[in-house]
Amino acid sequence: MAQIQFFGSQVGGGTVINYSYTDMPWKLVFWDFWYFLKYARYLPWVVWPLWPCHGGKFDELSFTFPHMWCVFVHIVLVVLQVAFILALPSVFILPGWLFISGLITFFVINQLICRTLNGNTIQYTSEPRYSPNWEKFENEQWIFLNGVSVGEAWLKGNLNRLALTFGRPVLGIHNRTSGVIFDILEAIVQRCFGYATTDIRLAYKILKDKLYNPQYTTVVFILHSQGGIEGGLVIDWLLQEVPQDLLAKLEVYTFGNAANHFNNPHRHKSSQEAQVKNPHILNRVFRQIPYLPGDMDKTAAKKNFNNAQPHTLTSNDQGSGELEPHGAALDRAIGHIEHYAHTTDFVALWGVLHFITNTRASSEIPRFVGRLFAHESLGGHLLNQHYLNDMFPLAKNAFGEFIGCAESNEFMDSVINPPRQGEGDNLVQAIREGLGHSFAALDQVAQAKCDVSVQGRLAAEVSALDGPVRVRDLSRLWHYRNGRTPGSLRTI
């Protein structure tokens, strides 16, 4: 059985931290190159294993003409770009006009080659045949932002694979490729300098429009690889401008995330303090409202409520008060964030695994909010062929046709292991969500009604678990498979 490490989301705090995305860019660039070299031995695992292609034509390395053409062009680009970088120091001895003209010529040729991969547009949609019941989900909007080295053919494969897996149409925003090496350099610039490319700006506009549109009650944002960096920047912008009741509609899921931070602050200081103090207790944030006389009008009552001070309430507390729409762990601006990673994936090691794991989850590193499922397997980095085939494999009918997500697989059936604690990690439990909070995020009733009795039942169910907790029990994204919607907790 696969080994799965589960890390509850970091809580956050009021400290100003070192080696943060808010630090000096030159310092961030230095550490990015340092850790790039440190994890460089895992680079071959980005495309490994090459075979088998359990996802058929959806897999990036499957033997179809569009996919093989992508591989061929990327090999050509790697050779050209490596030669360019190696030759760059020596060309400074050339006359200025020859150096500039050579530089322009190279980038024009590189761009023309990349156009054979990128297509002519930046916005795509999955094919309707992979989500035939799209009318059922008119209140949902699924958006995907891809990672490094993805051309038009691979992006369409990603969108169709996601649509088939979750039974919803998926809108794709194309993070166009400039070749593997130049894409990596761009990723470093993006996460160290906060540089927003065209696709980041478009993603921000689209997400903001969807969140403000009353038609949509759920907006799902899926990110892969470099898309995690870009999506993190989009989230930073949304947190600055969008009202929090709209942000509560947003759910974010990442695979092989290359970002160096992921923000999702608490809505109330009291809920953050309650979670730090009691990470395993299901706290509720509520406002204690003074007694209202019978003749008090609704306007005065509302004013009284707004002026009341937030307080925390555990499932064992007694008393009166009106509950806020989120609990201590769920009292976040963004509705839900979840990360998936392979422990041998270079990009994940350089990104999410480097910043979120318990041995580094201290006050000295950036906040990387969101729960993490880390699969200790020899898995690669490609979205379809490695991540989705491993974590959300497809099922086939009697004719060998893919019909949606398989209802059982080794990853989802695996028992999760609590984070390993090393020396000096005694505070790890105080800076992460407890298991009960992780279960609470799956319970729509608890999120919608926020009833103390519901939270009491939830606490009792979590403490009464008579069997191991599996990935499927905590993965919210799993509950979206084949057109489903996350509902109540598992049956115990």
Protein backbone atom coordinates (compact mmCIF):
# COMPACT_ATOMS: atom_id res chain seq x y z
CA MET A 1 0.00 0.00 0.00
CA ALA A 2 1.24 3.49 -0.84
CA GLN A 3 2.70 5.68 1.90
CA ILE A 4 0.88 8.99 2.24
CA GLN A 5 2.02 11.86 4.42
CA PHE A 6 -0.76 14.26 5.39
CA PHE A 7 -0.07 17.79 6.59
CA GLY A 8 -2.85 19.94 7.96
CA SER A 9 -2.88 23.53 6.80
CA GLN A 10 -0.57 26.00 8.46
CA VAL A 11 -2.40 28.40 10.74
CA GLY A 12 -0.46 31.62 10.26
CA GLY A 13 0.29 34.38 12.71
CA GLY A 14 1.34 37.95 13.28
CA THR A 15 5.09 37.48 12.91
CA VAL A 16 7.08 38.98 10.05
CA ILE A 17 9.12 36.10 8.69
CA ASN A 18 12.45 35.68 6.93
CA TYR A 19 12.91 34.12 3.49
CA SER A 20 9.40 35.22 2.58
CA TYR A 21 8.01 36.21 -0.80
CA THR A 22 7.93 39.73 0.66
CA ASP A 23 11.71 39.70 1.19
CA MET A 24 14.30 41.28 -1.09
CA PRO A 25 14.17 39.71 -4.59
CA TRP A 26 17.93 39.19 -4.83
CA LYS A 27 17.79 37.12 -1.64
CA LEU A 28 14.92 35.03 -2.97
CA VAL A 29 16.74 34.44 -6.26
CA PHE A 30 19.85 33.27 -4.40
CA TRP A 31 17.89 30.74 -2.33
CA ASP A 32 15.89 29.60 -5.35
CA PHE A 33 19.09 28.73 -7.23
CA TRP A 34 20.57 27.16 -4.10
CA TYR A 35 17.64 24.82 -3.60
CA PHE A 36 17.41 24.21 -7.34
CA LEU A 37 20.91 22.73 -7.14
CA LYS A 38 20.10 20.90 -3.91
CA TYR A 39 17.15 19.06 -5.47
CA ALA A 40 18.68 18.79 -8.97
CA ARG A 41 19.21 15.03 -8.59
CA TYR A 42 15.43 14.64 -8.82
CA LEU A 43 15.20 16.36 -12.23
CA PRO A 44 14.97 13.08 -14.20
CA TRP A 45 11.83 12.16 -12.23
CA VAL A 46 9.95 15.07 -13.84
CA VAL A 47 9.17 12.86 -16.86
CA TRP A 48 9.55 9.47 -15.19
CA PRO A 49 8.06 6.95 -15.60
CA LEU A 50 7.82 7.28 -19.38
CA TRP A 51 5.59 4.23 -19.60
CA PRO A 52 2.95 2.87 -19.22
CA CYS A 53 0.38 5.43 -20.33
CA HIS A 54 -2.65 4.30 -18.35
CA GLY A 55 -4.55 7.38 -19.46
CA GLY A 56 -4.28 6.52 -23.14
CA LYS A 57 -4.43 9.49 -25.50
CA PHE A 58 -4.76 11.89 -22.57
CA ASP A 59 -1.23 11.15 -21.34
CA GLU A 60 1.41 13.69 -22.32
CA LEU A 61 3.93 11.03 -23.45
CA SER A 62 1.46 8.77 -25.24
CA PHE A 63 2.35 7.79 -28.80
CA THR A 64 0.11 10.20 -30.64
CA PHE A 65 1.38 12.62 -33.27
CA PRO A 66 0.52 15.84 -31.36
CA HIS A 67 2.21 14.60 -28.20
CA MET A 68 5.31 13.26 -29.92
CA TRP A 69 5.59 16.52 -31.83
CA CYS A 70 5.58 18.39 -28.51
CA VAL A 71 8.39 16.18 -27.22
CA PHE A 72 10.44 16.67 -30.39
CA VAL A 73 10.06 20.46 -30.36
CA HIS A 74 11.00 20.65 -26.69
CA ILE A 75 14.17 18.66 -27.34
CA VAL A 76 15.10 21.11 -30.10
CA LEU A 77 14.40 24.06 -27.79
CA VAL A 78 16.50 22.60 -24.97
CA VAL A 79 19.48 22.15 -27.30
CA LEU A 80 19.16 25.69 -28.69
CA GLN A 81 18.67 27.32 -25.29
CA VAL A 82 21.54 25.45 -23.62
CA ALA A 83 23.83 26.45 -26.49
CA PHE A 84 22.65 30.06 -26.20
CA ILE A 85 23.30 30.22 -22.44
CA LEU A 86 26.76 28.60 -22.78
CA ALA A 87 27.73 30.95 -25.59
CA LEU A 88 26.37 34.09 -23.94
CA PRO A 89 29.51 35.00 -21.91
CA SER A 90 31.78 34.83 -24.96
CA VAL A 91 29.64 36.93 -27.29
CA PHE A 92 30.36 40.09 -25.30
CA ILE A 93 33.65 40.37 -27.20
CA LEU A 94 31.69 40.86 -30.42
CA PRO A 95 30.93 44.32 -31.79
CA GLY A 96 27.81 45.83 -30.27
CA TRP A 97 25.75 45.77 -33.48
CA LEU A 98 26.59 42.09 -34.09
CA PHE A 99 25.76 41.13 -30.50
CA ILE A 100 22.38 42.88 -30.56
CA SER A 101 21.40 41.53 -33.97
CA GLY A 102 22.40 38.00 -32.93
CA LEU A 103 20.39 38.32 -29.72
CA ILE A 104 17.30 39.48 -31.61
CA THR A 105 17.69 36.72 -34.20
CA PHE A 106 17.87 34.01 -31.54
CA PHE A 107 14.75 35.17 -29.69
CA VAL A 108 12.80 35.51 -32.94
CA ILE A 109 13.72 31.96 -33.92
CA ASN A 110 12.88 30.68 -30.42
CA GLN A 111 9.49 32.42 -30.56
CA LEU A 112 8.68 31.03 -34.01
CA ILE A 113 9.50 27.49 -32.85
CA CYS A 114 7.32 27.94 -29.75
CA ARG A 115 4.40 29.08 -31.89
CA THR A 116 4.22 25.57 -33.33
CA LEU A 117 3.34 24.44 -29.78
CA ASN A 118 1.29 27.31 -28.39
CA GLY A 119 -1.47 27.87 -30.92
CA ASN A 120 -3.17 31.21 -31.56
CA THR A 121 -5.30 31.76 -28.46
CA ILE A 122 -4.88 31.88 -24.69
CA GLN A 123 -8.32 30.67 -23.57
CA TYR A 124 -9.66 27.14 -24.10
CA THR A 125 -12.60 25.02 -22.98
CA SER A 126 -12.84 21.25 -22.57
CA GLU A 127 -14.77 19.36 -25.25
CA PRO A 128 -18.49 18.94 -24.44
CA ARG A 129 -18.40 15.16 -24.95
CA TYR A 130 -16.31 14.78 -21.79
CA SER A 131 -18.88 16.54 -19.60
CA PRO A 132 -22.28 15.84 -21.21
CA ASN A 133 -24.29 16.86 -18.13
CA TRP A 134 -22.88 20.37 -17.97
CA GLU A 135 -26.33 21.93 -17.46
CA LYS A 136 -26.42 20.32 -14.01
CA PHE A 137 -23.45 22.43 -12.97
CA GLU A 138 -24.43 25.84 -14.30
CA ASN A 139 -23.82 27.23 -10.81
CA GLU A 140 -20.19 26.05 -10.85
CA GLN A 141 -17.18 27.34 -12.77
CA TRP A 142 -14.05 25.21 -13.04
CA ILE A 143 -10.86 26.96 -14.17
CA PHE A 144 -7.45 25.43 -14.90
CA LEU A 145 -4.04 27.13 -15.18
CA ASN A 146 -1.23 24.94 -16.51
CA GLY A 147 2.45 24.69 -15.72
CA VAL A 148 5.83 24.56 -17.41
CA SER A 149 6.32 23.46 -21.04
CA VAL A 150 2.65 22.93 -21.87
CA GLY A 151 1.64 23.64 -25.45
CA GLU A 152 -1.82 23.67 -26.99
CA ALA A 153 -2.05 19.88 -27.42
CA TRP A 154 -1.08 19.10 -23.81
CA LEU A 155 -3.37 21.83 -22.45
CA LYS A 156 -6.36 20.42 -24.35
CA GLY A 157 -5.50 16.98 -23.00
CA ASN A 158 -5.38 18.39 -19.45
CA LEU A 159 -8.76 20.08 -19.83
CA ASN A 160 -10.48 17.03 -21.32
CA ARG A 161 -8.96 14.73 -18.70
CA LEU A 162 -10.18 16.99 -15.87
CA ALA A 163 -13.63 17.27 -17.43
CA LEU A 164 -13.92 13.49 -17.75
CA THR A 165 -12.68 12.92 -14.20
CA PHE A 166 -15.00 15.39 -12.48
CA GLY A 167 -17.91 15.50 -14.91
CA ARG A 168 -17.80 19.27 -15.35
CA PRO A 169 -16.69 21.53 -18.22
CA VAL A 170 -13.33 23.15 -17.49
CA LEU A 171 -12.13 26.55 -18.70
CA GLY A 172 -8.40 26.66 -19.44
CA ILE A 173 -6.11 29.68 -19.34
CA HIS A 174 -2.96 28.94 -21.31
CA ASN A 175 0.37 29.65 -19.64
CA ARG A 176 2.26 29.51 -22.92
CA THR A 177 5.62 27.80 -23.13
CA SER A 178 8.89 29.35 -24.23
CA GLY A 179 10.81 26.10 -23.83
CA VAL A 180 11.72 24.21 -20.68
CA ILE A 181 14.75 26.29 -19.69
CA PHE A 182 13.20 29.69 -20.36
CA ASP A 183 10.02 28.59 -18.58
CA ILE A 184 12.03 27.74 -15.45
CA LEU A 185 13.75 31.13 -15.57
CA GLU A 186 10.37 32.79 -15.96
CA ALA A 187 9.05 30.85 -12.96
CA ILE A 188 11.95 32.11 -10.81
CA VAL A 189 11.27 35.69 -11.88
CA GLN A 190 7.56 35.26 -11.15
CA ARG A 191 7.95 33.88 -7.65
CA CYS A 192 10.85 36.13 -6.62
CA PHE A 193 9.77 39.43 -8.20
CA GLY A 194 5.98 38.91 -8.33
CA TYR A 195 6.03 39.47 -12.10
CA ALA A 196 2.58 39.03 -13.64
CA THR A 197 2.51 37.72 -17.21
CA THR A 198 -0.46 37.99 -19.57
CA ASP A 199 -2.06 34.72 -18.46
CA ILE A 200 -1.87 35.77 -14.78
CA ARG A 201 -3.68 39.02 -15.55
CA LEU A 202 -6.32 37.20 -17.59
CA ALA A 203 -6.82 34.57 -14.86
CA TYR A 204 -7.35 37.35 -12.31
CA LYS A 205 -9.93 39.04 -14.51
CA ILE A 206 -11.83 35.81 -15.17
CA LEU A 207 -11.86 34.68 -11.54
CA LYS A 208 -12.96 38.08 -10.33
CA ASP A 209 -15.79 38.16 -12.88
CA LYS A 210 -16.95 34.67 -11.89
CA LEU A 211 -16.84 35.42 -8.16
CA TYR A 212 -18.94 38.54 -8.61
CA ASN A 213 -21.42 36.74 -10.87
CA PRO A 214 -24.38 35.63 -8.68
CA GLN A 215 -24.95 32.67 -11.02
CA TYR A 216 -21.94 30.88 -9.54
CA THR A 217 -21.99 29.49 -6.03
CA THR A 218 -18.74 27.54 -6.44
CA VAL A 219 -15.59 28.51 -8.35
CA VAL A 220 -12.94 25.78 -8.52
CA PHE A 221 -9.39 26.83 -9.45
CA ILE A 222 -7.03 23.96 -10.39
CA LEU A 223 -3.31 24.68 -10.70
CA HIS A 224 -0.35 22.61 -11.88
CA SER A 225 3.38 23.26 -11.57
CA GLN A 226 4.24 26.85 -12.56
CA GLY A 227 0.52 27.45 -12.55
CA GLY A 228 0.80 27.27 -8.74
CA ILE A 229 3.10 30.30 -8.78
CA GLU A 230 0.79 32.19 -11.10
CA GLY A 231 -2.33 31.12 -9.23
CA GLY A 232 -0.74 32.24 -5.96
CA LEU A 233 -0.24 35.72 -7.42
CA VAL A 234 -3.85 35.77 -8.62
CA ILE A 235 -5.00 34.82 -5.12
CA ASP A 236 -2.92 37.62 -3.61
CA TRP A 237 -4.71 40.11 -5.87
CA LEU A 238 -8.14 38.66 -5.12
CA LEU A 239 -7.51 38.89 -1.38
CA GLN A 240 -6.78 42.58 -1.80
CA GLU A 241 -9.92 43.51 -3.72
CA VAL A 242 -12.73 40.95 -3.53
CA PRO A 243 -15.20 40.89 -0.59
CA GLN A 244 -14.71 37.87 1.64
CA ASP A 245 -18.24 36.57 1.24
CA LEU A 246 -17.44 36.17 -2.46
CA LEU A 247 -14.01 34.64 -1.80
CA ALA A 248 -15.78 31.98 0.27
CA LYS A 249 -17.08 30.56 -3.03
CA LEU A 250 -13.52 29.86 -4.22
CA GLU A 251 -11.83 26.45 -3.86
CA VAL A 252 -8.22 25.89 -4.95
CA TYR A 253 -6.55 22.55 -5.76
CA THR A 254 -2.91 22.24 -6.83
CA PHE A 255 -0.69 19.46 -8.22
CA GLY A 256 3.11 19.66 -8.07
CA ASN A 257 2.84 23.27 -6.93
CA ALA A 258 5.99 25.33 -7.64
CA ALA A 259 4.98 28.37 -5.57
CA ASN A 260 6.92 29.69 -2.57
CA HIS A 261 3.81 30.88 -0.70
CA PHE A 262 0.06 30.44 -0.63
CA ASN A 263 -2.10 32.90 1.25
CA ASN A 264 -5.51 32.44 2.87
CA PRO A 265 -5.85 34.53 6.04
CA HIS A 266 -8.36 34.03 8.83
CA ARG A 267 -11.35 36.32 8.81
CA HIS A 268 -11.09 36.96 12.54
CA LYS A 269 -8.10 37.27 14.84
CA SER A 270 -9.97 35.36 17.54
CA SER A 271 -10.39 32.28 15.37
CA GLN A 272 -6.68 32.24 14.51
CA GLU A 273 -5.75 32.49 18.18
CA ALA A 274 -8.22 29.74 19.07
CA GLN A 275 -6.76 27.41 16.49
CA VAL A 276 -3.18 28.05 17.60
CA LYS A 277 -4.13 27.46 21.22
CA ASN A 278 -6.26 24.35 20.60
CA PRO A 279 -5.44 22.94 17.14
CA HIS A 280 -7.42 19.72 17.74
CA ILE A 281 -10.55 21.27 19.23
CA LEU A 282 -13.40 22.27 16.95
CA ASN A 283 -13.83 25.91 17.84
CA ARG A 284 -16.59 28.15 16.61
CA VAL A 285 -16.40 31.90 16.20
CA PHE A 286 -19.55 33.67 17.30
CA ARG A 287 -20.76 37.06 18.43
CA GLN A 288 -22.37 37.39 21.80
CA ILE A 289 -25.46 39.57 21.26
CA PRO A 290 -26.94 41.45 24.20
CA TYR A 291 -30.56 40.80 25.07
CA LEU A 292 -32.84 42.45 22.53
CA PRO A 293 -36.17 43.86 23.79
CA GLY A 294 -39.21 42.67 21.92
CA ASP A 295 -39.96 46.08 20.46
CA MET A 296 -36.45 46.61 19.09
CA ASP A 297 -36.59 46.94 15.32
CA LYS A 298 -34.49 44.90 12.89
CA THR A 299 -32.17 47.79 12.07
CA ALA A 300 -31.21 48.20 15.71
CA ALA A 301 -30.77 44.45 16.08
CA LYS A 302 -28.46 44.34 13.09
CA LYS A 303 -26.45 47.25 14.46
CA ASN A 304 -26.20 45.52 17.80
CA PHE A 305 -24.93 42.37 16.10
CA ASN A 306 -22.30 44.19 14.05
CA ASN A 307 -20.98 45.98 17.13
CA ALA A 308 -20.72 42.78 19.14
CA GLN A 309 -17.22 41.38 19.71
CA PRO A 310 -16.18 38.04 18.18
CA HIS A 311 -15.60 35.23 20.62
CA THR A 312 -14.71 31.57 20.36
CA LEU A 313 -16.95 28.68 21.25
CA THR A 314 -16.02 25.03 21.50
CA SER A 315 -18.41 22.16 20.95
CA ASN A 316 -18.59 21.66 24.73
CA ASP A 317 -19.44 25.26 25.59
CA GLN A 318 -22.88 26.39 26.63
CA GLY A 319 -24.34 29.81 26.09
CA SER A 320 -26.23 32.04 23.72
CA GLY A 321 -24.91 33.84 20.74
CA GLU A 322 -25.18 33.94 16.95
CA LEU A 323 -22.61 31.88 15.11
CA GLU A 324 -20.43 33.19 12.34
CA PRO A 325 -20.56 31.32 9.00
CA HIS A 326 -17.20 29.60 9.55
CA GLY A 327 -15.44 27.78 12.34
CA ALA A 328 -11.94 28.46 13.62
CA ALA A 329 -10.25 26.24 11.05
CA LEU A 330 -12.82 27.11 8.38
CA ASP A 331 -12.79 30.81 9.21
CA ARG A 332 -10.70 31.58 6.17
CA ALA A 333 -11.22 34.12 3.40
CA ILE A 334 -11.00 31.47 0.65
CA GLY A 335 -13.36 28.52 1.00
CA HIS A 336 -10.84 25.67 0.66
CA ILE A 337 -7.24 24.97 -0.46
CA GLU A 338 -5.75 21.52 -1.07
CA HIS A 339 -2.35 20.43 -2.43
CA TYR A 340 -1.19 17.13 -3.96
CA ALA A 341 2.47 16.21 -4.49
CA HIS A 342 4.81 13.33 -5.28
CA THR A 343 7.81 13.23 -2.97
CA THR A 344 10.14 12.47 -5.90
CA ASP A 345 8.80 15.30 -8.07
CA PHE A 346 11.55 17.92 -8.45
CA VAL A 347 9.09 20.79 -8.94
CA ALA A 348 7.10 19.84 -5.83
CA LEU A 349 10.34 19.48 -3.81
CA TRP A 350 11.43 22.93 -4.96
CA GLY A 351 7.99 24.34 -4.21
CA VAL A 352 5.19 23.02 -2.02
CA LEU A 353 7.14 20.26 -0.26
CA HIS A 354 9.97 22.63 0.59
CA PHE A 355 7.68 25.20 2.19
CA ILE A 356 4.81 23.25 3.72
CA THR A 357 6.33 20.16 5.36
CA ASN A 358 6.49 20.03 9.13
CA THR A 359 10.30 20.16 9.40
CA ARG A 360 10.16 23.61 7.81
CA ALA A 361 6.78 24.79 9.06
CA SER A 362 8.16 27.35 11.49
CA SER A 363 7.97 31.09 11.92
CA GLU A 364 11.10 31.44 9.79
CA ILE A 365 9.58 30.53 6.42
CA PRO A 366 6.73 31.80 4.25
CA ARG A 367 3.15 30.85 4.97
CA PHE A 368 1.94 28.09 2.68
CA VAL A 369 -1.71 27.61 3.59
CA GLY A 370 -3.70 24.54 2.57
CA ARG A 371 -3.65 20.86 3.48
CA LEU A 372 -1.12 18.65 1.68
CA PHE A 373 -1.26 15.02 0.53
CA ALA A 374 2.31 13.89 -0.20
CA HIS A 375 2.58 10.54 -1.99
CA GLU A 376 5.84 8.75 -1.21
CA SER A 377 6.15 7.06 -4.58
CA LEU A 378 8.36 7.17 -7.63
CA GLY A 379 5.94 9.51 -9.33
CA GLY A 380 6.68 12.17 -11.92
CA HIS A 381 5.46 15.69 -12.57
CA LEU A 382 3.18 15.53 -15.62
CA LEU A 383 -0.43 16.30 -14.72
CA ASN A 384 -2.28 13.60 -16.67
CA GLN A 385 0.27 10.83 -16.95
CA HIS A 386 1.64 11.03 -13.42
CA TYR A 387 -0.63 12.92 -11.02
CA LEU A 388 -4.12 12.19 -12.28
CA ASN A 389 -3.33 8.59 -13.31
CA ASP A 390 -1.95 8.02 -9.82
CA MET A 391 -4.52 9.87 -7.72
CA PHE A 392 -7.64 10.01 -9.93
CA PRO A 393 -7.25 7.09 -12.40
CA LEU A 394 -9.86 6.50 -15.08
CA ALA A 395 -12.28 3.60 -15.36
CA LYS A 396 -13.17 1.80 -18.60
CA ASN A 397 -16.35 0.20 -19.87
CA ALA A 398 -16.65 -3.22 -21.53
CA PHE A 399 -15.48 -1.71 -24.83
CA GLY A 400 -12.28 -0.29 -23.37
CA GLU A 401 -13.54 3.30 -23.44
CA PHE A 402 -12.84 5.69 -20.60
CA ILE A 403 -16.05 6.53 -18.75
CA GLY A 404 -14.87 8.64 -15.82
CA CYS A 405 -12.94 8.39 -12.58
CA ALA A 406 -12.45 4.94 -11.07
CA GLU A 407 -14.31 4.55 -7.77
CA SER A 408 -11.31 3.04 -5.99
CA ASN A 409 -7.55 3.30 -6.32
CA GLU A 410 -4.44 2.67 -4.26
CA PHE A 411 -3.77 6.34 -3.49
CA MET A 412 -7.27 7.18 -2.23
CA ASP A 413 -7.51 3.90 -0.29
CA SER A 414 -4.17 4.48 1.43
CA VAL A 415 -4.00 5.13 5.15
CA ILE A 416 -2.57 8.55 5.90
CA ASN A 417 0.38 8.93 8.23
CA PRO A 418 0.65 11.88 10.62
CA PRO A 419 3.53 14.27 9.92
CA ARG A 420 6.89 13.03 11.10
CA GLN A 421 8.30 15.19 13.85
CA GLY A 422 11.99 15.79 14.18
CA GLU A 423 14.01 17.52 16.86
CA GLY A 424 12.99 21.09 17.41
CA ASP A 425 9.52 20.54 15.93
CA ASN A 426 7.59 20.57 19.19
CA LEU A 427 5.46 23.46 17.97
CA VAL A 428 4.28 21.66 14.84
CA GLN A 429 0.86 20.83 16.29
CA ALA A 430 0.32 24.44 17.31
CA ILE A 431 0.81 25.77 13.78
CA ARG A 432 -1.31 23.23 11.89
CA GLU A 433 -4.96 22.34 11.69
CA GLY A 434 -5.98 19.31 13.69
CA LEU A 435 -7.58 16.22 12.17
CA GLY A 436 -11.02 17.28 13.33
CA HIS A 437 -10.76 20.54 11.41
CA SER A 438 -9.73 18.64 8.30
CA PHE A 439 -12.88 16.54 8.57
CA ALA A 440 -14.96 19.64 9.22
CA ALA A 441 -13.94 21.12 5.87
CA LEU A 442 -15.76 18.26 4.14
CA ASP A 443 -19.03 18.73 5.99
CA GLN A 444 -21.33 21.07 4.10
CA VAL A 445 -23.82 21.10 6.95
CA ALA A 446 -21.21 22.33 9.39
CA GLN A 447 -20.09 25.01 6.95
CA ALA A 448 -23.57 26.21 6.03
CA LYS A 449 -25.42 26.05 9.35
CA CYS A 450 -22.53 26.30 11.80
CA ASP A 451 -24.68 24.76 14.49
CA VAL A 452 -23.02 23.89 17.80
CA SER A 453 -24.81 20.55 17.88
CA VAL A 454 -23.41 19.73 14.46
CA GLN A 455 -19.93 20.55 15.68
CA GLY A 456 -20.49 18.40 18.75
CA ARG A 457 -21.50 15.50 16.55
CA LEU A 458 -18.51 16.14 14.33
CA ALA A 459 -16.11 16.08 17.27
CA ALA A 460 -17.66 12.88 18.54
CA GLU A 461 -17.39 11.20 15.14
CA VAL A 462 -13.76 12.17 14.68
CA SER A 463 -12.81 10.96 18.17
CA ALA A 464 -14.79 7.74 17.67
CA LEU A 465 -12.99 6.65 14.53
CA ASP A 466 -12.55 2.92 14.94
CA GLY A 467 -10.55 2.47 11.77
CA PRO A 468 -7.67 4.13 9.96
CA VAL A 469 -8.21 7.45 8.22
CA ARG A 470 -7.69 7.19 4.49
CA VAL A 471 -6.95 9.77 1.85
CA ARG A 472 -10.50 9.55 0.49
CA ASP A 473 -11.78 10.60 3.93
CA LEU A 474 -9.95 13.93 3.84
CA SER A 475 -9.68 14.75 0.13
CA ARG A 476 -12.41 17.21 -0.79
CA LEU A 477 -11.48 17.05 -4.48
CA TRP A 478 -12.16 13.29 -4.46
CA HIS A 479 -15.77 14.02 -3.55
CA TYR A 480 -16.20 15.90 -6.85
CA ARG A 481 -15.41 12.85 -9.01
CA ASN A 482 -17.87 11.83 -11.73
CA GLY A 483 -20.19 14.76 -11.17
CA ARG A 484 -20.58 14.29 -7.43
CA THR A 485 -20.63 17.11 -4.89
CA PRO A 486 -18.89 17.07 -1.49
CA GLY A 487 -21.46 16.17 1.14
CA SER A 488 -21.45 14.95 4.68
CA LEU A 489 -18.72 13.05 6.50
CA ARG A 490 -17.99 9.43 5.82
CA THR A 491 -20.13 6.79 7.49
CA ILE A 492 -18.36 5.48 10.59
